[in-house]
Amino acid sequence: MHNNFLNCVYNADCVEGMKTIPAQSVDLVITDPPFGIEFKAKRENYNRKGSRVLEGYSEVHEDDYLTFTENWMSGVKRLLKPSGSMFVFSGWNNLKDILITLDKLGFITVNHLIWKYQFGVVTSRKFVTSHYHCLYVCLDDKKRKFFPYCRFRKEGIK
């Protein structure tokens, strides 16, 4: 890993990779952990070609999901600056484990957003799921930074 952590992307096991980054050095984490939905990376669902899925993708079994979540989220808590934030994307399947762990570790939920997409897998025994949950959280709500005008000038907002 590099000593300069500014604007870097790493391809590593998240729990092990986070150990190489200094504590309280990260402003923002955006994470999309495995959903634990028994996704078969090489199967051609979602119109995805197996050749386009990176080697090493692994799913987390339902029985291990809470422990998995506690492990990676503890690493994030160590890395975040007091003013830092995290966005966690999650399917509904293991959302309870994400929410339990956020509470257990003392994260504060700022927003719970629903990200709706326009496709869904055809199902014959249940309704089609066509959304993800996006949780916007922080460690200190008084110190967290939020930039509402990063896309538009303040005077352009009504």
N, C-alpha and C. Protein backbone atom coordinates (compact mmCIF):
# COMPACT_ATOMS: atom_id res chain seq x y z
N MET A 1 0.83 -1.18 0.00
CA MET A 1 0.00 0.00 0.00
C MET A 1 0.89 1.26 0.00
N HIS A 2 0.34 2.33 -0.48
CA HIS A 2 1.08 3.59 -0.59
C HIS A 2 0.99 4.38 0.70
N ASN A 3 1.96 5.27 0.89
CA ASN A 3 1.93 6.16 2.05
C ASN A 3 1.02 7.35 1.81
N ASN A 4 0.77 7.70 0.55
CA ASN A 4 -0.11 8.81 0.23
C ASN A 4 -1.51 8.26 -0.02
N PHE A 5 -2.45 8.56 0.87
CA PHE A 5 -3.78 7.98 0.78
C PHE A 5 -4.78 8.88 0.07
N LEU A 6 -4.34 10.02 -0.44
CA LEU A 6 -5.23 10.96 -1.09
C LEU A 6 -5.70 10.42 -2.43
N ASN A 7 -7.02 10.29 -2.59
CA ASN A 7 -7.63 9.87 -3.85
C ASN A 7 -7.10 8.54 -4.37
N CYS A 8 -6.99 7.57 -3.50
CA CYS A 8 -6.48 6.25 -3.88
C CYS A 8 -7.60 5.23 -3.88
N VAL A 9 -7.49 4.27 -4.78
CA VAL A 9 -8.39 3.13 -4.83
C VAL A 9 -7.53 1.89 -4.65
N TYR A 10 -7.93 1.02 -3.74
CA TYR A 10 -7.18 -0.20 -3.47
C TYR A 10 -8.03 -1.41 -3.81
N ASN A 11 -7.40 -2.43 -4.31
CA ASN A 11 -8.07 -3.70 -4.58
C ASN A 11 -7.51 -4.71 -3.59
N ALA A 12 -8.20 -4.85 -2.47
CA ALA A 12 -7.73 -5.73 -1.40
C ALA A 12 -8.93 -6.19 -0.59
N ASP A 13 -8.74 -7.23 0.19
CA ASP A 13 -9.75 -7.62 1.17
C ASP A 13 -9.98 -6.41 2.05
N CYS A 14 -11.24 -5.99 2.21
CA CYS A 14 -11.51 -4.72 2.89
C CYS A 14 -11.00 -4.71 4.32
N VAL A 15 -11.19 -5.77 5.06
CA VAL A 15 -10.80 -5.78 6.47
C VAL A 15 -9.28 -5.72 6.59
N GLU A 16 -8.58 -6.50 5.78
CA GLU A 16 -7.11 -6.49 5.83
C GLU A 16 -6.56 -5.19 5.26
N GLY A 17 -7.12 -4.72 4.18
CA GLY A 17 -6.65 -3.48 3.55
C GLY A 17 -6.80 -2.27 4.45
N MET A 18 -7.88 -2.21 5.20
CA MET A 18 -8.10 -1.06 6.09
C MET A 18 -7.06 -0.98 7.19
N LYS A 19 -6.48 -2.11 7.55
CA LYS A 19 -5.47 -2.12 8.61
C LYS A 19 -4.22 -1.36 8.22
N THR A 20 -4.00 -1.15 6.92
CA THR A 20 -2.80 -0.45 6.44
C THR A 20 -3.00 1.06 6.35
N ILE A 21 -4.20 1.53 6.62
CA ILE A 21 -4.52 2.94 6.51
C ILE A 21 -4.55 3.55 7.92
N PRO A 22 -3.94 4.71 8.10
CA PRO A 22 -3.90 5.33 9.44
C PRO A 22 -5.30 5.62 10.00
N ALA A 23 -5.42 5.51 11.31
CA ALA A 23 -6.68 5.80 12.00
C ALA A 23 -7.07 7.26 11.80
N GLN A 24 -8.36 7.51 11.77
CA GLN A 24 -8.94 8.85 11.65
C GLN A 24 -8.33 9.65 10.50
N SER A 25 -8.18 8.99 9.34
CA SER A 25 -7.57 9.65 8.19
C SER A 25 -8.51 9.73 6.99
N VAL A 26 -9.74 9.24 7.13
CA VAL A 26 -10.65 9.14 6.00
C VAL A 26 -11.85 10.06 6.20
N ASP A 27 -12.17 10.82 5.17
CA ASP A 27 -13.33 11.73 5.22
C ASP A 27 -14.63 11.04 4.87
N LEU A 28 -14.60 10.13 3.90
CA LEU A 28 -15.83 9.54 3.38
C LEU A 28 -15.60 8.10 2.96
N VAL A 29 -16.52 7.22 3.34
CA VAL A 29 -16.51 5.84 2.89
C VAL A 29 -17.83 5.60 2.16
N ILE A 30 -17.73 5.05 0.97
CA ILE A 30 -18.91 4.61 0.22
C ILE A 30 -18.73 3.12 0.03
N THR A 31 -19.65 2.35 0.57
CA THR A 31 -19.47 0.90 0.56
C THR A 31 -20.72 0.19 0.07
N ASP A 32 -20.49 -0.86 -0.66
CA ASP A 32 -21.55 -1.70 -1.23
C ASP A 32 -21.17 -3.14 -0.93
N PRO A 33 -21.33 -3.55 0.35
CA PRO A 33 -20.87 -4.89 0.74
C PRO A 33 -21.67 -5.97 0.04
N PRO A 34 -21.13 -7.19 -0.02
CA PRO A 34 -21.94 -8.28 -0.58
C PRO A 34 -23.29 -8.35 0.13
N PHE A 35 -24.31 -8.62 -0.64
CA PHE A 35 -25.66 -8.60 -0.09
C PHE A 35 -26.07 -9.92 0.55
N GLY A 36 -25.27 -10.96 0.40
CA GLY A 36 -25.63 -12.25 0.99
C GLY A 36 -26.87 -12.84 0.37
N ILE A 37 -27.01 -12.72 -0.96
CA ILE A 37 -28.21 -13.20 -1.65
C ILE A 37 -27.92 -14.41 -2.52
N GLU A 38 -26.81 -15.08 -2.20
CA GLU A 38 -26.39 -16.25 -2.96
C GLU A 38 -26.21 -15.92 -4.44
N PHE A 39 -25.67 -14.74 -4.71
CA PHE A 39 -25.39 -14.31 -6.07
C PHE A 39 -24.26 -15.15 -6.62
N LYS A 40 -24.45 -15.72 -7.75
CA LYS A 40 -23.42 -16.51 -8.42
C LYS A 40 -22.78 -15.62 -9.47
N ALA A 41 -21.56 -15.17 -9.19
CA ALA A 41 -20.91 -14.15 -10.01
C ALA A 41 -20.78 -14.56 -11.47
N LYS A 42 -20.59 -15.82 -11.75
CA LYS A 42 -20.36 -16.24 -13.13
C LYS A 42 -21.66 -16.62 -13.84
N ARG A 43 -22.76 -16.67 -13.11
CA ARG A 43 -24.04 -16.96 -13.75
C ARG A 43 -24.51 -15.72 -14.49
N GLU A 44 -25.17 -15.89 -15.57
CA GLU A 44 -25.55 -14.75 -16.40
C GLU A 44 -26.92 -14.18 -16.02
N ASN A 45 -27.10 -13.87 -14.74
CA ASN A 45 -28.30 -13.15 -14.34
C ASN A 45 -28.03 -11.66 -14.41
N TYR A 46 -29.03 -10.86 -14.35
CA TYR A 46 -28.93 -9.41 -14.53
C TYR A 46 -28.32 -9.06 -15.89
N ASN A 47 -28.43 -9.96 -16.85
CA ASN A 47 -27.81 -9.76 -18.17
C ASN A 47 -26.31 -9.48 -18.04
N ARG A 48 -25.70 -10.06 -17.05
CA ARG A 48 -24.27 -9.87 -16.79
C ARG A 48 -23.50 -11.04 -17.39
N LYS A 49 -22.43 -10.74 -18.08
CA LYS A 49 -21.58 -11.78 -18.64
C LYS A 49 -20.53 -12.15 -17.59
N GLY A 50 -20.39 -13.44 -17.35
CA GLY A 50 -19.43 -13.92 -16.36
C GLY A 50 -18.02 -13.43 -16.62
N SER A 51 -17.67 -13.22 -17.88
CA SER A 51 -16.32 -12.76 -18.22
C SER A 51 -16.04 -11.35 -17.72
N ARG A 52 -17.09 -10.61 -17.38
CA ARG A 52 -16.92 -9.23 -16.90
C ARG A 52 -16.88 -9.12 -15.38
N VAL A 53 -17.04 -10.23 -14.68
CA VAL A 53 -17.00 -10.22 -13.22
C VAL A 53 -15.56 -10.50 -12.78
N LEU A 54 -15.03 -9.64 -11.91
CA LEU A 54 -13.66 -9.80 -11.46
C LEU A 54 -13.48 -11.10 -10.69
N GLU A 55 -12.35 -11.73 -10.90
CA GLU A 55 -12.01 -12.93 -10.13
C GLU A 55 -11.91 -12.56 -8.66
N GLY A 56 -12.29 -13.46 -7.80
CA GLY A 56 -12.17 -13.23 -6.38
C GLY A 56 -13.45 -12.78 -5.71
N TYR A 57 -14.51 -12.49 -6.50
CA TYR A 57 -15.77 -12.10 -5.88
C TYR A 57 -16.25 -13.26 -5.02
N SER A 58 -16.63 -12.97 -3.80
CA SER A 58 -17.17 -14.02 -2.95
C SER A 58 -18.37 -13.49 -2.19
N GLU A 59 -19.32 -14.33 -2.01
CA GLU A 59 -20.55 -14.00 -1.31
C GLU A 59 -20.38 -14.35 0.17
N VAL A 60 -21.10 -13.69 1.03
CA VAL A 60 -21.06 -13.96 2.46
C VAL A 60 -22.32 -14.75 2.81
N HIS A 61 -22.13 -15.88 3.47
CA HIS A 61 -23.26 -16.72 3.85
C HIS A 61 -24.10 -16.01 4.91
N GLU A 62 -25.39 -16.23 4.86
CA GLU A 62 -26.33 -15.59 5.77
C GLU A 62 -25.95 -15.76 7.24
N ASP A 63 -25.48 -16.95 7.61
CA ASP A 63 -25.12 -17.22 9.01
C ASP A 63 -23.89 -16.42 9.47
N ASP A 64 -23.07 -15.97 8.52
CA ASP A 64 -21.85 -15.24 8.85
C ASP A 64 -21.97 -13.74 8.63
N TYR A 65 -23.13 -13.29 8.19
CA TYR A 65 -23.25 -11.91 7.73
C TYR A 65 -23.09 -10.88 8.85
N LEU A 66 -23.64 -11.14 10.01
CA LEU A 66 -23.52 -10.19 11.12
C LEU A 66 -22.06 -10.04 11.54
N THR A 67 -21.34 -11.14 11.68
CA THR A 67 -19.92 -11.10 12.04
C THR A 67 -19.11 -10.39 10.96
N PHE A 68 -19.39 -10.72 9.70
CA PHE A 68 -18.73 -10.06 8.58
C PHE A 68 -18.95 -8.55 8.65
N THR A 69 -20.18 -8.13 8.91
CA THR A 69 -20.53 -6.71 8.97
C THR A 69 -19.83 -6.03 10.14
N GLU A 70 -19.80 -6.67 11.30
CA GLU A 70 -19.12 -6.10 12.45
C GLU A 70 -17.62 -5.92 12.17
N ASN A 71 -17.02 -6.87 11.46
CA ASN A 71 -15.59 -6.80 11.16
C ASN A 71 -15.26 -5.62 10.26
N TRP A 72 -15.97 -5.50 9.12
CA TRP A 72 -15.61 -4.41 8.21
C TRP A 72 -16.04 -3.06 8.76
N MET A 73 -17.17 -3.01 9.45
CA MET A 73 -17.65 -1.73 9.94
C MET A 73 -16.79 -1.22 11.11
N SER A 74 -16.22 -2.12 11.90
CA SER A 74 -15.28 -1.71 12.96
C SER A 74 -14.04 -1.07 12.34
N GLY A 75 -13.60 -1.63 11.21
CA GLY A 75 -12.47 -1.04 10.50
C GLY A 75 -12.79 0.35 9.99
N VAL A 76 -13.98 0.53 9.46
CA VAL A 76 -14.39 1.86 8.98
C VAL A 76 -14.43 2.84 10.14
N LYS A 77 -14.97 2.43 11.25
CA LYS A 77 -15.06 3.33 12.41
C LYS A 77 -13.68 3.81 12.84
N ARG A 78 -12.70 2.93 12.79
CA ARG A 78 -11.32 3.30 13.14
C ARG A 78 -10.75 4.32 12.15
N LEU A 79 -11.11 4.19 10.88
CA LEU A 79 -10.54 5.04 9.83
C LEU A 79 -11.17 6.42 9.74
N LEU A 80 -12.46 6.53 10.03
CA LEU A 80 -13.16 7.80 9.82
C LEU A 80 -12.66 8.90 10.74
N LYS A 81 -12.48 10.08 10.15
CA LYS A 81 -12.22 11.28 10.94
C LYS A 81 -13.48 11.59 11.75
N PRO A 82 -13.37 12.34 12.84
CA PRO A 82 -14.58 12.72 13.59
C PRO A 82 -15.60 13.45 12.72
N SER A 83 -15.14 14.12 11.68
CA SER A 83 -16.03 14.84 10.77
C SER A 83 -16.46 13.99 9.57
N GLY A 84 -16.02 12.72 9.54
CA GLY A 84 -16.27 11.84 8.40
C GLY A 84 -17.67 11.25 8.36
N SER A 85 -17.99 10.69 7.20
CA SER A 85 -19.30 10.07 6.98
C SER A 85 -19.14 8.78 6.19
N MET A 86 -20.22 8.01 6.13
CA MET A 86 -20.23 6.77 5.36
C MET A 86 -21.59 6.61 4.69
N PHE A 87 -21.56 6.16 3.45
CA PHE A 87 -22.76 5.72 2.74
C PHE A 87 -22.67 4.21 2.61
N VAL A 88 -23.68 3.50 3.09
CA VAL A 88 -23.73 2.05 3.00
C VAL A 88 -24.90 1.66 2.11
N PHE A 89 -24.62 0.99 1.00
CA PHE A 89 -25.67 0.45 0.15
C PHE A 89 -25.96 -0.97 0.59
N SER A 90 -27.23 -1.33 0.65
CA SER A 90 -27.60 -2.67 1.10
C SER A 90 -28.89 -3.10 0.43
N GLY A 91 -28.94 -4.37 0.10
CA GLY A 91 -30.21 -4.96 -0.28
C GLY A 91 -31.02 -5.18 0.98
N TRP A 92 -32.26 -5.56 0.83
CA TRP A 92 -33.12 -5.74 2.00
C TRP A 92 -32.79 -7.02 2.76
N ASN A 93 -32.16 -7.99 2.09
CA ASN A 93 -31.95 -9.32 2.67
C ASN A 93 -31.24 -9.28 4.03
N ASN A 94 -30.19 -8.50 4.13
CA ASN A 94 -29.41 -8.44 5.36
C ASN A 94 -29.35 -7.04 5.95
N LEU A 95 -30.33 -6.23 5.61
CA LEU A 95 -30.38 -4.86 6.13
C LEU A 95 -30.39 -4.85 7.66
N LYS A 96 -31.04 -5.82 8.26
CA LYS A 96 -31.11 -5.86 9.73
C LYS A 96 -29.71 -5.96 10.34
N ASP A 97 -28.82 -6.74 9.72
CA ASP A 97 -27.46 -6.87 10.24
C ASP A 97 -26.69 -5.56 10.12
N ILE A 98 -26.91 -4.85 9.04
CA ILE A 98 -26.27 -3.54 8.85
C ILE A 98 -26.77 -2.57 9.93
N LEU A 99 -28.08 -2.51 10.12
CA LEU A 99 -28.67 -1.58 11.10
C LEU A 99 -28.25 -1.93 12.53
N ILE A 100 -28.25 -3.21 12.87
CA ILE A 100 -27.83 -3.64 14.21
C ILE A 100 -26.39 -3.21 14.47
N THR A 101 -25.52 -3.41 13.48
CA THR A 101 -24.11 -3.10 13.66
C THR A 101 -23.87 -1.59 13.73
N LEU A 102 -24.58 -0.83 12.92
CA LEU A 102 -24.45 0.63 13.01
C LEU A 102 -24.77 1.11 14.42
N ASP A 103 -25.86 0.60 14.99
CA ASP A 103 -26.25 0.97 16.35
C ASP A 103 -25.22 0.51 17.37
N LYS A 104 -24.79 -0.74 17.23
CA LYS A 104 -23.84 -1.32 18.18
C LYS A 104 -22.53 -0.53 18.23
N LEU A 105 -22.08 -0.04 17.06
CA LEU A 105 -20.80 0.66 17.00
C LEU A 105 -20.93 2.17 17.23
N GLY A 106 -22.15 2.65 17.40
CA GLY A 106 -22.36 4.05 17.74
C GLY A 106 -22.43 4.99 16.55
N PHE A 107 -22.70 4.47 15.36
CA PHE A 107 -22.91 5.36 14.21
C PHE A 107 -24.25 6.06 14.36
N ILE A 108 -24.34 7.26 13.82
CA ILE A 108 -25.57 8.03 13.84
C ILE A 108 -26.15 8.03 12.42
N THR A 109 -27.41 7.65 12.27
CA THR A 109 -28.04 7.66 10.96
C THR A 109 -28.52 9.06 10.65
N VAL A 110 -28.01 9.61 9.55
CA VAL A 110 -28.41 10.93 9.09
C VAL A 110 -29.60 10.82 8.15
N ASN A 111 -29.51 9.90 7.20
CA ASN A 111 -30.58 9.64 6.24
C ASN A 111 -30.64 8.16 5.92
N HIS A 112 -31.83 7.70 5.56
CA HIS A 112 -32.04 6.37 5.01
C HIS A 112 -32.76 6.58 3.68
N LEU A 113 -32.01 6.42 2.61
CA LEU A 113 -32.52 6.69 1.27
C LEU A 113 -32.88 5.38 0.57
N ILE A 114 -33.80 5.45 -0.36
CA ILE A 114 -34.14 4.29 -1.19
C ILE A 114 -33.71 4.61 -2.61
N TRP A 115 -32.85 3.74 -3.15
CA TRP A 115 -32.35 3.89 -4.51
C TRP A 115 -33.14 2.93 -5.39
N LYS A 116 -34.07 3.46 -6.16
CA LYS A 116 -34.92 2.63 -7.02
C LYS A 116 -34.27 2.51 -8.39
N TYR A 117 -34.25 1.31 -8.91
CA TYR A 117 -33.75 1.11 -10.27
C TYR A 117 -34.87 0.56 -11.13
N GLN A 118 -34.68 0.66 -12.42
CA GLN A 118 -35.77 0.39 -13.37
C GLN A 118 -35.84 -1.04 -13.86
N PHE A 119 -35.08 -1.94 -13.29
CA PHE A 119 -35.17 -3.33 -13.71
C PHE A 119 -35.32 -4.21 -12.49
N GLY A 120 -35.74 -5.38 -12.69
CA GLY A 120 -35.85 -6.35 -11.62
C GLY A 120 -35.73 -7.73 -12.20
N VAL A 121 -35.26 -8.64 -11.42
CA VAL A 121 -35.15 -10.02 -11.87
C VAL A 121 -36.55 -10.62 -11.90
N VAL A 122 -36.86 -11.33 -12.95
CA VAL A 122 -38.17 -11.96 -13.06
C VAL A 122 -38.26 -13.07 -12.01
N THR A 123 -39.33 -13.06 -11.25
CA THR A 123 -39.52 -14.07 -10.21
C THR A 123 -40.89 -14.72 -10.37
N SER A 124 -40.99 -15.92 -9.87
CA SER A 124 -42.27 -16.63 -9.98
C SER A 124 -42.89 -16.90 -8.61
N ARG A 125 -42.15 -16.62 -7.52
CA ARG A 125 -42.67 -16.95 -6.20
C ARG A 125 -42.68 -15.78 -5.23
N LYS A 126 -42.35 -14.57 -5.73
CA LYS A 126 -42.37 -13.39 -4.86
C LYS A 126 -42.41 -12.16 -5.75
N PHE A 127 -42.56 -10.99 -5.12
CA PHE A 127 -42.53 -9.74 -5.87
C PHE A 127 -41.10 -9.43 -6.29
N VAL A 128 -40.95 -8.67 -7.33
CA VAL A 128 -39.64 -8.27 -7.82
C VAL A 128 -39.08 -7.16 -6.93
N THR A 129 -37.84 -7.32 -6.51
CA THR A 129 -37.16 -6.30 -5.73
C THR A 129 -36.45 -5.38 -6.70
N SER A 130 -36.74 -4.10 -6.63
CA SER A 130 -36.10 -3.16 -7.55
C SER A 130 -35.62 -1.91 -6.81
N HIS A 131 -34.98 -2.14 -5.65
CA HIS A 131 -34.42 -1.02 -4.90
C HIS A 131 -33.30 -1.48 -3.99
N TYR A 132 -32.47 -0.53 -3.64
CA TYR A 132 -31.44 -0.73 -2.62
C TYR A 132 -31.68 0.31 -1.54
N HIS A 133 -31.20 0.00 -0.37
CA HIS A 133 -31.19 0.96 0.72
C HIS A 133 -29.83 1.65 0.73
N CYS A 134 -29.82 2.94 0.96
CA CYS A 134 -28.58 3.69 1.10
C CYS A 134 -28.65 4.42 2.43
N LEU A 135 -27.79 4.04 3.34
CA LEU A 135 -27.74 4.63 4.67
C LEU A 135 -26.61 5.63 4.72
N TYR A 136 -26.93 6.86 5.08
CA TYR A 136 -25.94 7.92 5.24
C TYR A 136 -25.74 8.08 6.74
N VAL A 137 -24.52 7.78 7.23
CA VAL A 137 -24.25 7.75 8.66
C VAL A 137 -22.97 8.53 8.98
N CYS A 138 -22.81 8.86 10.25
CA CYS A 138 -21.61 9.54 10.73
C CYS A 138 -21.33 9.09 12.16
N LEU A 139 -20.21 9.56 12.69
CA LEU A 139 -19.87 9.26 14.08
C LEU A 139 -20.20 10.42 15.01
N ASP A 140 -20.14 11.65 14.49
CA ASP A 140 -20.41 12.84 15.29
C ASP A 140 -21.23 13.80 14.44
N ASP A 141 -22.50 13.90 14.73
CA ASP A 141 -23.40 14.70 13.89
C ASP A 141 -23.06 16.19 13.94
N LYS A 142 -22.44 16.65 15.01
CA LYS A 142 -22.08 18.07 15.10
C LYS A 142 -20.82 18.38 14.29
N LYS A 143 -19.96 17.40 14.09
CA LYS A 143 -18.70 17.63 13.37
C LYS A 143 -18.75 17.20 11.90
N ARG A 144 -19.75 16.41 11.52
CA ARG A 144 -19.76 15.88 10.14
C ARG A 144 -19.88 17.01 9.14
N LYS A 145 -19.28 16.75 7.99
CA LYS A 145 -19.31 17.74 6.91
C LYS A 145 -20.33 17.28 5.87
N PHE A 146 -21.01 18.25 5.31
CA PHE A 146 -21.99 17.97 4.25
C PHE A 146 -21.92 19.13 3.28
N PHE A 147 -21.86 18.83 2.01
CA PHE A 147 -21.66 19.85 0.99
C PHE A 147 -22.88 19.89 0.06
N PRO A 148 -23.95 20.57 0.48
CA PRO A 148 -25.18 20.57 -0.33
C PRO A 148 -25.03 21.30 -1.65
N TYR A 149 -24.02 22.14 -1.78
CA TYR A 149 -23.87 22.93 -3.00
C TYR A 149 -22.71 22.45 -3.85
N CYS A 150 -22.33 21.20 -3.72
CA CYS A 150 -21.20 20.68 -4.48
C CYS A 150 -21.54 20.53 -5.97
N ARG A 151 -22.82 20.38 -6.30
CA ARG A 151 -23.22 20.23 -7.70
C ARG A 151 -23.81 21.50 -8.29
N PHE A 152 -24.33 22.36 -7.46
CA PHE A 152 -24.99 23.59 -7.92
C PHE A 152 -24.55 24.74 -7.04
N ARG A 153 -24.55 25.93 -7.59
CA ARG A 153 -24.26 27.11 -6.78
C ARG A 153 -25.44 27.37 -5.85
N LYS A 154 -25.15 27.91 -4.71
CA LYS A 154 -26.17 28.15 -3.69
C LYS A 154 -27.32 28.97 -4.23
N GLU A 155 -27.04 29.99 -5.02
CA GLU A 155 -28.12 30.84 -5.52
C GLU A 155 -29.00 30.13 -6.55
N GLY A 156 -28.54 28.99 -7.08
CA GLY A 156 -29.35 28.24 -8.05
C GLY A 156 -30.35 27.30 -7.41
N ILE A 157 -30.30 27.15 -6.10
CA ILE A 157 -31.19 26.25 -5.37
C ILE A 157 -32.38 27.05 -4.87
N LYS A 158 -33.57 26.52 -5.08
CA LYS A 158 -34.77 27.20 -4.62
C LYS A 158 -35.38 26.44 -3.45
